[in-house]
Amino acid sequence: MQLLVYIFIFLLGLALAFGAYLGLTFTPIEALLLGIVAISLAVVIFERTLRRRAEERFEKGIEDLSRLLSTNAQAGQVLSKRMNKMIDQDSGNRLGIMEADVSVLGTVVHQVAEAVAQLEEVQAKADSASSSLNIKQEIKKIVDPVVPIKDVKKALDDGRVIIHASEIISLPKRQVQAYDLTPHIQLENGQMKKAADFVPQTGSESMVRRIDQLGFKRVFEYLESTNKSEEPNSELIPVHVPISKATLSDIAIIEWIIAQLDISRDLARIISFSIPESQFNSLDNKEQINLTALVEKGSSISIIKVSNLRMDFADLRHKGVSSVRANSDIFINKTGKLTDYQAPDVASYISRFGIDLIMSDVQNEEQILSLLEDDIRFISGEYVSPAKPALSVLKHFENRSLATG
């Protein structure tokens, strides 16, 4: 129903713009701006109406629940009085009266349960009504990369897209917990840019797949060299390699990855495929099946760029998730945006499900000390470990201590 209203608003805005262009001799740009303003105002008014109605239903639900709870309390008092009276009655009468009272009390409890369910449904509708505005705000945050697409394609052809590796370290001993692979691009002037500056956010799926494959090849080279070494598998350091929706939708690439994992089945367990939360939550059925196929080979999933830690971690663990990554600055200064728990309780709660909480983008020593106080065990970021070409990093097989930055 809401979709029909949005479509009607959009058509009304177009009609208004077209009428202004023909009837009021507006220029095309002026008519277009008028249509956009009209659509925006209509959407805001509609959203405010939805929110007000949801709040009214929510308040009514609370009132109904209060009345039912009051009835429940009164029924309890009546039951208590009758229990006192039954002391002087024979056992047969006592049993009959008790059954009647229990039946009444059961009916009241059932009504309370139904009211709570209705209240939760109203709250869910209220949240969905407000989430549409949040979605629009998130869409506005998607910006084009700094490096033009044509320059990225040329860099891929020239071999100037290079996979870098940084270290995820454990606290308090600051030992290497895992390697985190990320693509970097070397511009023609020699300057290096990070993934956020050149990897397309939307579209260009074929280019994103090519970038992902560079990381996969680097990881499998690491596994191949490990197979030839005499180092015990138990000392191998896990590797987080990025994967995207674009890659998960390509069955040919997935089959190639599975074939590579089959070659080093015992070592597949050290690979964790990292995927942004926004992409993980929007996987379609085909993409989810392909990701599950990788997990079944022994690998795991790391969800990065997490904006909300209010997750079903039991379900995530069942899907093969081994770690989640959130921004350290938001966790320290705006904990309420991520979770309803107190900061020191978050990591221990998530770890109950066999999932590690990693704080990313650590910028200074003060943040590390604050995270230590909150019992955070794993951190990453340029301050902790600057990214270096993967060839110079993935040759180490044993954990090593890091010096304080």
Protein backbone atom coordinates (compact mmCIF):
# COMPACT_ATOMS: atom_id res chain seq x y z
CA MET A 1 0.00 0.00 0.00
CA GLN A 2 2.81 2.41 0.90
CA LEU A 3 4.49 1.64 -2.42
CA LEU A 4 1.33 2.68 -4.29
CA VAL A 5 1.24 5.96 -2.35
CA TYR A 6 4.90 6.65 -3.19
CA ILE A 7 4.22 5.89 -6.87
CA PHE A 8 1.20 8.24 -6.82
CA ILE A 9 3.31 11.01 -5.21
CA PHE A 10 5.99 10.53 -7.86
CA LEU A 11 3.47 10.70 -10.70
CA LEU A 12 1.79 13.73 -9.15
CA GLY A 13 5.17 15.50 -8.97
CA LEU A 14 5.86 14.69 -12.62
CA ALA A 15 2.42 15.95 -13.61
CA LEU A 16 2.95 19.17 -11.67
CA ALA A 17 6.33 19.72 -13.33
CA PHE A 18 4.86 19.00 -16.79
CA GLY A 19 1.94 21.36 -16.14
CA ALA A 20 4.24 24.13 -14.96
CA TYR A 21 6.40 23.68 -18.05
CA LEU A 22 3.45 23.90 -20.46
CA GLY A 23 0.98 26.15 -18.65
CA LEU A 24 3.19 28.56 -16.70
CA THR A 25 6.02 28.78 -19.25
CA PHE A 26 8.59 27.49 -16.74
CA THR A 27 11.98 26.46 -18.09
CA PRO A 28 12.67 22.69 -18.03
CA ILE A 29 15.03 23.09 -15.05
CA GLU A 30 12.54 25.22 -13.10
CA ALA A 31 9.74 22.74 -13.81
CA LEU A 32 11.97 19.84 -12.73
CA LEU A 33 12.92 21.63 -9.49
CA LEU A 34 9.25 22.35 -8.80
CA GLY A 35 8.41 18.65 -9.27
CA ILE A 36 11.26 17.56 -6.96
CA VAL A 37 10.21 20.04 -4.25
CA ALA A 38 6.59 18.89 -4.50
CA ILE A 39 7.57 15.21 -4.28
CA SER A 40 9.85 15.90 -1.29
CA LEU A 41 7.15 17.82 0.60
CA ALA A 42 4.58 15.11 -0.10
CA VAL A 43 6.96 12.36 1.10
CA VAL A 44 7.76 14.27 4.32
CA ILE A 45 4.06 14.85 5.05
CA PHE A 46 3.24 11.20 4.36
CA GLU A 47 6.09 9.94 6.57
CA ARG A 48 5.01 12.24 9.43
CA THR A 49 1.44 10.93 9.08
CA LEU A 50 2.64 7.32 9.22
CA ARG A 51 4.78 8.01 12.28
CA ARG A 52 1.89 9.77 14.09
CA ARG A 53 -0.50 6.89 13.36
CA ALA A 54 2.07 4.35 14.53
CA GLU A 55 2.62 6.26 17.77
CA GLU A 56 -1.13 6.42 18.38
CA ARG A 57 -1.46 2.66 17.86
CA PHE A 58 1.51 2.11 20.14
CA GLU A 59 -0.03 4.23 22.93
CA LYS A 60 -3.36 2.43 22.55
CA GLY A 61 -1.58 -0.90 22.81
CA ILE A 62 0.11 0.20 26.03
CA GLU A 63 -3.26 1.25 27.49
CA ASP A 64 -4.81 -2.11 26.55
CA LEU A 65 -1.89 -3.95 28.10
CA SER A 66 -2.21 -1.91 31.30
CA ARG A 67 -5.91 -2.79 31.59
CA LEU A 68 -5.22 -6.47 31.05
CA LEU A 69 -2.45 -6.46 33.65
CA SER A 70 -4.83 -4.79 36.09
CA THR A 71 -7.41 -7.50 35.37
CA ASN A 72 -4.74 -10.12 35.93
CA ALA A 73 -3.90 -8.61 39.32
CA GLN A 74 -7.57 -8.56 40.33
CA ALA A 75 -7.98 -12.18 39.27
CA GLY A 76 -5.00 -13.07 41.44
CA GLN A 77 -6.56 -11.37 44.45
CA VAL A 78 -9.87 -13.20 43.89
CA LEU A 79 -8.00 -16.49 43.58
CA SER A 80 -6.15 -15.81 46.84
CA LYS A 81 -9.41 -15.12 48.68
CA ARG A 82 -11.00 -18.28 47.34
CA MET A 83 -7.98 -20.35 48.31
CA ASN A 84 -8.42 -19.13 51.88
CA LYS A 85 -12.09 -20.10 51.84
CA MET A 86 -11.32 -23.60 50.51
CA ILE A 87 -9.51 -24.48 53.70
CA ASP A 88 -12.91 -25.16 55.39
CA GLN A 89 -14.37 -27.07 52.44
CA ASP A 90 -14.07 -30.73 51.48
CA SER A 91 -11.51 -31.86 48.89
CA GLY A 92 -14.08 -32.43 46.12
CA ASN A 93 -15.38 -28.86 46.25
CA ARG A 94 -11.86 -27.51 46.58
CA LEU A 95 -10.77 -29.25 43.37
CA GLY A 96 -13.76 -27.96 41.39
CA ILE A 97 -13.29 -24.37 42.54
CA MET A 98 -9.53 -24.55 41.87
CA GLU A 99 -10.06 -25.81 38.34
CA ALA A 100 -12.50 -22.97 37.64
CA ASP A 101 -10.13 -20.35 39.04
CA VAL A 102 -7.14 -21.74 37.14
CA SER A 103 -9.21 -21.69 33.94
CA VAL A 104 -10.09 -18.02 34.48
CA LEU A 105 -6.48 -17.14 35.28
CA GLY A 106 -5.28 -19.01 32.19
CA THR A 107 -7.69 -17.03 30.03
CA VAL A 108 -6.38 -13.74 31.44
CA VAL A 109 -2.75 -14.77 30.91
CA HIS A 110 -3.59 -15.73 27.32
CA GLN A 111 -5.13 -12.30 26.73
CA VAL A 112 -2.04 -10.63 28.17
CA ALA A 113 0.18 -12.67 25.82
CA GLU A 114 -1.95 -11.65 22.82
CA ALA A 115 -1.77 -8.01 23.86
CA VAL A 116 2.03 -8.18 24.15
CA ALA A 117 2.23 -9.76 20.68
CA GLN A 118 0.03 -7.01 19.22
CA LEU A 119 2.17 -4.40 20.96
CA GLU A 120 5.34 -5.85 19.43
CA GLU A 121 3.69 -5.85 15.99
CA VAL A 122 2.71 -2.19 16.36
CA GLN A 123 6.26 -1.34 17.42
CA ALA A 124 7.67 -3.18 14.39
CA LYS A 125 5.38 -1.19 12.08
CA ALA A 126 6.48 2.03 13.75
CA ASP A 127 10.13 1.10 13.24
CA SER A 128 9.52 0.24 9.58
CA ALA A 129 7.75 3.57 9.03
CA SER A 130 10.74 5.48 10.39
CA SER A 131 13.32 3.27 8.67
CA SER A 132 12.31 4.50 5.20
CA LEU A 133 13.72 7.94 5.99
CA ASN A 134 16.90 6.31 7.33
CA ILE A 135 17.23 4.35 4.08
CA LYS A 136 16.99 7.55 2.07
CA GLN A 137 19.70 9.11 4.26
CA GLU A 138 21.98 6.09 3.78
CA ILE A 139 21.51 6.28 0.01
CA LYS A 140 22.70 9.87 0.08
CA LYS A 141 25.92 8.72 1.77
CA ILE A 142 26.93 6.62 -1.26
CA VAL A 143 29.41 8.72 -3.22
CA ASP A 144 31.39 8.01 -6.32
CA PRO A 145 35.01 6.92 -5.83
CA VAL A 146 37.75 9.53 -6.15
CA VAL A 147 39.48 7.64 -8.98
CA PRO A 148 37.45 7.58 -12.23
CA ILE A 149 36.24 4.21 -13.48
CA LYS A 150 38.27 4.45 -16.69
CA ASP A 151 41.46 5.00 -14.69
CA VAL A 152 40.67 1.97 -12.52
CA LYS A 153 40.15 -0.19 -15.61
CA LYS A 154 43.45 0.98 -17.07
CA ALA A 155 45.22 0.28 -13.76
CA LEU A 156 43.78 -3.24 -13.73
CA ASP A 157 45.03 -3.80 -17.26
CA ASP A 158 48.45 -2.41 -16.34
CA GLY A 159 48.73 -4.44 -13.13
CA ARG A 160 48.70 -1.36 -10.88
CA VAL A 161 45.95 -2.66 -8.58
CA ILE A 162 47.95 -4.24 -5.78
CA ILE A 163 46.69 -6.32 -2.86
CA HIS A 164 47.94 -5.02 0.48
CA ALA A 165 47.84 -6.76 3.84
CA SER A 166 47.53 -5.32 7.33
CA GLU A 167 47.45 -7.07 10.67
CA ILE A 168 44.57 -7.65 13.06
CA ILE A 169 46.15 -7.90 16.50
CA SER A 170 45.02 -9.28 19.83
CA LEU A 171 45.02 -7.41 23.12
CA PRO A 172 46.71 -7.06 25.53
CA LYS A 173 49.77 -8.94 24.16
CA ARG A 174 49.48 -7.32 20.73
CA GLN A 175 50.11 -10.47 18.76
CA VAL A 176 49.09 -11.00 15.14
CA GLN A 177 45.65 -12.58 15.10
CA ALA A 178 45.00 -12.43 11.34
CA TYR A 179 46.00 -10.74 8.10
CA ASP A 180 43.45 -8.46 6.45
CA LEU A 181 43.78 -8.12 2.66
CA THR A 182 42.58 -4.95 0.91
CA PRO A 183 43.11 -3.71 -2.67
CA HIS A 184 45.11 -0.55 -3.32
CA ILE A 185 45.63 1.28 -6.60
CA GLN A 186 48.85 2.90 -7.78
CA LEU A 187 48.10 5.96 -9.88
CA GLU A 188 50.23 6.89 -12.85
CA ASN A 189 51.97 9.53 -10.73
CA GLY A 190 52.97 6.82 -8.22
CA GLN A 191 50.46 7.80 -5.54
CA MET A 192 48.70 4.96 -3.71
CA LYS A 193 44.94 5.05 -3.03
CA LYS A 194 42.86 2.84 -0.73
CA ALA A 195 39.91 0.68 -1.76
CA ALA A 196 37.36 3.32 -0.71
CA ASP A 197 38.89 5.73 -3.24
CA PHE A 198 38.52 3.54 -6.33
CA VAL A 199 36.34 0.43 -5.81
CA PRO A 200 32.89 1.22 -7.31
CA GLN A 201 30.09 1.33 -4.73
CA THR A 202 27.37 0.58 -7.26
CA GLY A 203 27.50 -0.87 -10.75
CA SER A 204 30.66 -1.98 -12.60
CA GLU A 205 30.18 -5.55 -11.31
CA SER A 206 32.73 -7.01 -13.73
CA MET A 207 35.41 -4.61 -12.48
CA VAL A 208 34.61 -5.42 -8.84
CA ARG A 209 34.92 -9.13 -9.64
CA ARG A 210 38.37 -8.56 -11.16
CA ILE A 211 39.50 -6.72 -8.04
CA ASP A 212 38.15 -9.49 -5.79
CA GLN A 213 39.95 -12.13 -7.85
CA LEU A 214 43.29 -10.42 -7.23
CA GLY A 215 42.79 -11.03 -3.51
CA PHE A 216 41.73 -14.64 -4.06
CA LYS A 217 44.83 -15.36 -6.17
CA ARG A 218 47.09 -13.84 -3.52
CA VAL A 219 45.50 -15.99 -0.80
CA PHE A 220 45.79 -19.19 -2.83
CA GLU A 221 49.44 -18.41 -3.56
CA TYR A 222 49.85 -18.12 0.21
CA LEU A 223 48.19 -21.51 0.72
CA GLU A 224 50.27 -23.11 -2.02
CA SER A 225 53.52 -21.87 -0.49
CA THR A 226 52.31 -23.06 2.90
CA ASN A 227 51.63 -26.54 1.54
CA LYS A 228 55.22 -26.74 0.40
CA SER A 229 56.62 -25.51 3.74
CA GLU A 230 57.29 -27.60 6.79
CA GLU A 231 55.48 -25.25 9.14
CA PRO A 232 52.75 -26.94 11.22
CA ASN A 233 49.22 -25.95 10.20
CA SER A 234 48.33 -25.04 13.78
CA GLU A 235 50.70 -22.05 13.59
CA LEU A 236 49.25 -20.57 10.43
CA ILE A 237 47.81 -17.08 10.67
CA PRO A 238 44.25 -16.68 9.30
CA VAL A 239 43.67 -14.42 6.30
CA HIS A 240 40.65 -12.17 5.72
CA VAL A 241 40.03 -11.70 1.99
CA PRO A 242 37.31 -9.36 0.65
CA ILE A 243 34.37 -10.74 -1.32
CA SER A 244 31.44 -8.82 -2.80
CA LYS A 245 27.87 -9.38 -3.98
CA ALA A 246 29.14 -9.08 -7.54
CA THR A 247 31.47 -12.05 -7.04
CA LEU A 248 28.90 -14.12 -5.15
CA SER A 249 26.49 -13.73 -8.07
CA ASP A 250 29.02 -15.21 -10.52
CA ILE A 251 28.82 -19.01 -10.36
CA ALA A 252 31.96 -19.45 -12.49
CA ILE A 253 34.15 -17.57 -9.99
CA ILE A 254 32.56 -19.39 -7.05
CA GLU A 255 33.27 -22.76 -8.68
CA TRP A 256 36.88 -21.69 -9.25
CA ILE A 257 37.25 -20.68 -5.58
CA ILE A 258 35.73 -23.98 -4.43
CA ALA A 259 38.15 -25.89 -6.66
CA GLN A 260 41.06 -24.00 -5.10
CA LEU A 261 39.77 -24.71 -1.60
CA ASP A 262 39.48 -28.40 -2.43
CA ILE A 263 43.16 -28.47 -3.33
CA SER A 264 44.09 -27.19 0.15
CA ARG A 265 41.09 -28.46 2.12
CA ASP A 266 43.01 -28.61 5.41
CA LEU A 267 44.11 -25.00 5.01
CA ALA A 268 40.72 -23.61 3.94
CA ARG A 269 39.93 -23.07 7.61
CA ILE A 270 42.36 -20.13 7.81
CA ILE A 271 40.43 -18.16 5.15
CA SER A 272 37.70 -15.76 6.21
CA PHE A 273 35.73 -13.99 3.48
CA SER A 274 35.08 -10.39 4.57
CA ILE A 275 31.92 -8.70 3.28
CA PRO A 276 30.33 -5.35 4.26
CA GLU A 277 27.22 -5.57 6.44
CA SER A 278 25.11 -3.73 3.86
CA GLN A 279 25.96 -6.30 1.18
CA PHE A 280 25.62 -9.29 3.53
CA ASN A 281 22.10 -8.22 4.53
CA SER A 282 21.05 -7.72 0.90
CA LEU A 283 22.23 -11.08 -0.49
CA ASP A 284 19.61 -12.78 -2.61
CA ASN A 285 18.93 -16.52 -2.44
CA LYS A 286 21.48 -17.42 -5.13
CA GLU A 287 24.24 -15.34 -3.55
CA GLN A 288 23.51 -16.76 -0.09
CA ILE A 289 23.73 -20.31 -1.46
CA ASN A 290 27.12 -19.55 -3.06
CA LEU A 291 28.42 -18.06 0.19
CA THR A 292 27.21 -21.10 2.11
CA ALA A 293 29.06 -23.33 -0.36
CA LEU A 294 32.32 -21.56 0.55
CA VAL A 295 31.62 -21.99 4.26
CA GLU A 296 30.96 -25.70 3.77
CA LYS A 297 34.51 -26.05 2.46
CA GLY A 298 35.82 -24.97 5.87
CA SER A 299 36.16 -21.22 5.43
CA SER A 300 34.31 -18.60 7.47
CA ILE A 301 32.73 -15.15 7.06
CA SER A 302 33.78 -11.82 8.55
CA ILE A 303 31.16 -9.05 8.45
CA ILE A 304 32.84 -5.64 8.18
CA LYS A 305 31.62 -2.04 8.44
CA VAL A 306 28.95 -3.06 10.95
CA SER A 307 26.64 -0.19 11.86
CA ASN A 308 24.43 -2.11 14.30
CA LEU A 309 25.44 -4.85 16.76
CA ARG A 310 21.82 -5.73 17.56
CA MET A 311 22.11 -8.96 15.59
CA ASP A 312 20.97 -12.55 15.89
CA PHE A 313 24.45 -13.88 16.57
CA ALA A 314 23.26 -17.48 16.96
CA ASP A 315 21.90 -17.36 13.41
CA LEU A 316 25.04 -15.63 12.13
CA ARG A 317 27.22 -18.33 13.66
CA HIS A 318 25.03 -20.96 12.03
CA LYS A 319 25.70 -19.24 8.68
CA GLY A 320 29.46 -19.43 9.24
CA VAL A 321 30.22 -15.96 10.58
CA SER A 322 33.38 -15.99 12.73
CA SER A 323 33.89 -12.25 13.33
CA VAL A 324 32.21 -8.85 13.02
CA ARG A 325 33.99 -5.50 12.70
CA ALA A 326 32.76 -2.15 13.97
CA ASN A 327 34.29 1.33 14.02
CA SER A 328 36.29 1.92 17.19
CA ASP A 329 35.49 5.65 17.45
CA ILE A 330 31.74 5.03 17.29
CA PHE A 331 32.02 2.17 19.80
CA ILE A 332 33.93 4.34 22.28
CA ASN A 333 32.06 7.63 21.94
CA LYS A 334 28.60 6.60 20.67
CA THR A 335 28.07 3.09 22.03
CA GLY A 336 24.29 3.49 21.97
CA LYS A 337 24.31 3.69 18.18
CA LEU A 338 25.76 0.18 17.98
CA THR A 339 24.22 -1.71 20.90
CA ASP A 340 21.93 -1.55 23.92
CA TYR A 341 24.54 -3.27 26.12
CA GLN A 342 27.16 -1.54 28.21
CA ALA A 343 30.48 -1.32 26.34
CA PRO A 344 32.38 -3.76 28.64
CA ASP A 345 29.69 -6.43 28.14
CA VAL A 346 29.47 -6.39 24.35
CA ALA A 347 32.52 -8.45 23.39
CA SER A 348 31.90 -11.13 26.04
CA TYR A 349 28.26 -11.45 24.94
CA ILE A 350 29.17 -11.86 21.27
CA SER A 351 31.95 -14.33 22.10
CA ARG A 352 29.37 -16.67 23.68
CA PHE A 353 28.29 -17.52 20.14
CA GLY A 354 31.83 -18.22 18.94
CA ILE A 355 32.11 -14.87 17.13
CA ASP A 356 34.97 -12.39 17.60
CA LEU A 357 34.32 -8.64 17.86
CA ILE A 358 37.03 -6.64 16.06
CA MET A 359 37.36 -2.89 16.46
CA SER A 360 38.56 -1.30 13.22
CA ASP A 361 40.07 2.09 12.31
CA VAL A 362 41.95 2.48 15.61
CA GLN A 363 43.72 5.84 15.43
CA ASN A 364 45.73 6.32 18.62
CA GLU A 365 46.95 4.81 21.87
CA GLU A 366 44.16 6.40 23.90
CA GLN A 367 41.62 4.41 21.92
CA ILE A 368 43.56 1.19 22.52
CA LEU A 369 43.56 1.82 26.28
CA SER A 370 39.82 2.57 26.21
CA LEU A 371 39.14 -0.63 24.25
CA LEU A 372 41.23 -2.60 26.73
CA GLU A 373 39.04 -1.31 29.55
CA ASP A 374 35.99 -2.50 27.59
CA ASP A 375 37.47 -6.02 27.28
CA ILE A 376 37.91 -5.76 23.50
CA ARG A 377 40.32 -8.48 22.38
CA PHE A 378 40.98 -7.65 18.72
CA ILE A 379 41.76 -4.38 16.91
CA SER A 380 42.91 -3.17 13.49
CA GLY A 381 43.71 0.07 11.72
CA GLU A 382 46.48 2.11 10.15
CA TYR A 383 47.81 3.11 13.58
CA VAL A 384 48.02 -0.54 14.64
CA SER A 385 49.43 -1.93 11.38
CA PRO A 386 49.91 0.13 8.21
CA ALA A 387 48.93 -1.78 5.08
CA LYS A 388 51.87 -3.18 3.07
CA PRO A 389 52.04 -5.17 -0.18
CA ALA A 390 50.76 -8.65 0.58
CA LEU A 391 53.83 -10.31 -0.90
CA SER A 392 55.96 -8.83 1.88
CA VAL A 393 53.52 -9.77 4.65
CA LEU A 394 52.13 -13.22 3.87
CA LYS A 395 55.52 -14.91 4.16
CA HIS A 396 55.26 -15.04 7.96
CA PHE A 397 53.69 -18.15 9.44
CA GLU A 398 54.19 -17.72 13.18
CA ASN A 399 52.60 -15.18 15.51
CA ARG A 400 54.89 -12.35 16.49
CA SER A 401 54.53 -9.66 19.13
CA LEU A 402 53.98 -6.07 18.05
CA ALA A 403 55.76 -3.13 19.63
CA THR A 404 53.60 -0.41 21.16
CA GLY A 405 52.82 2.25 18.57
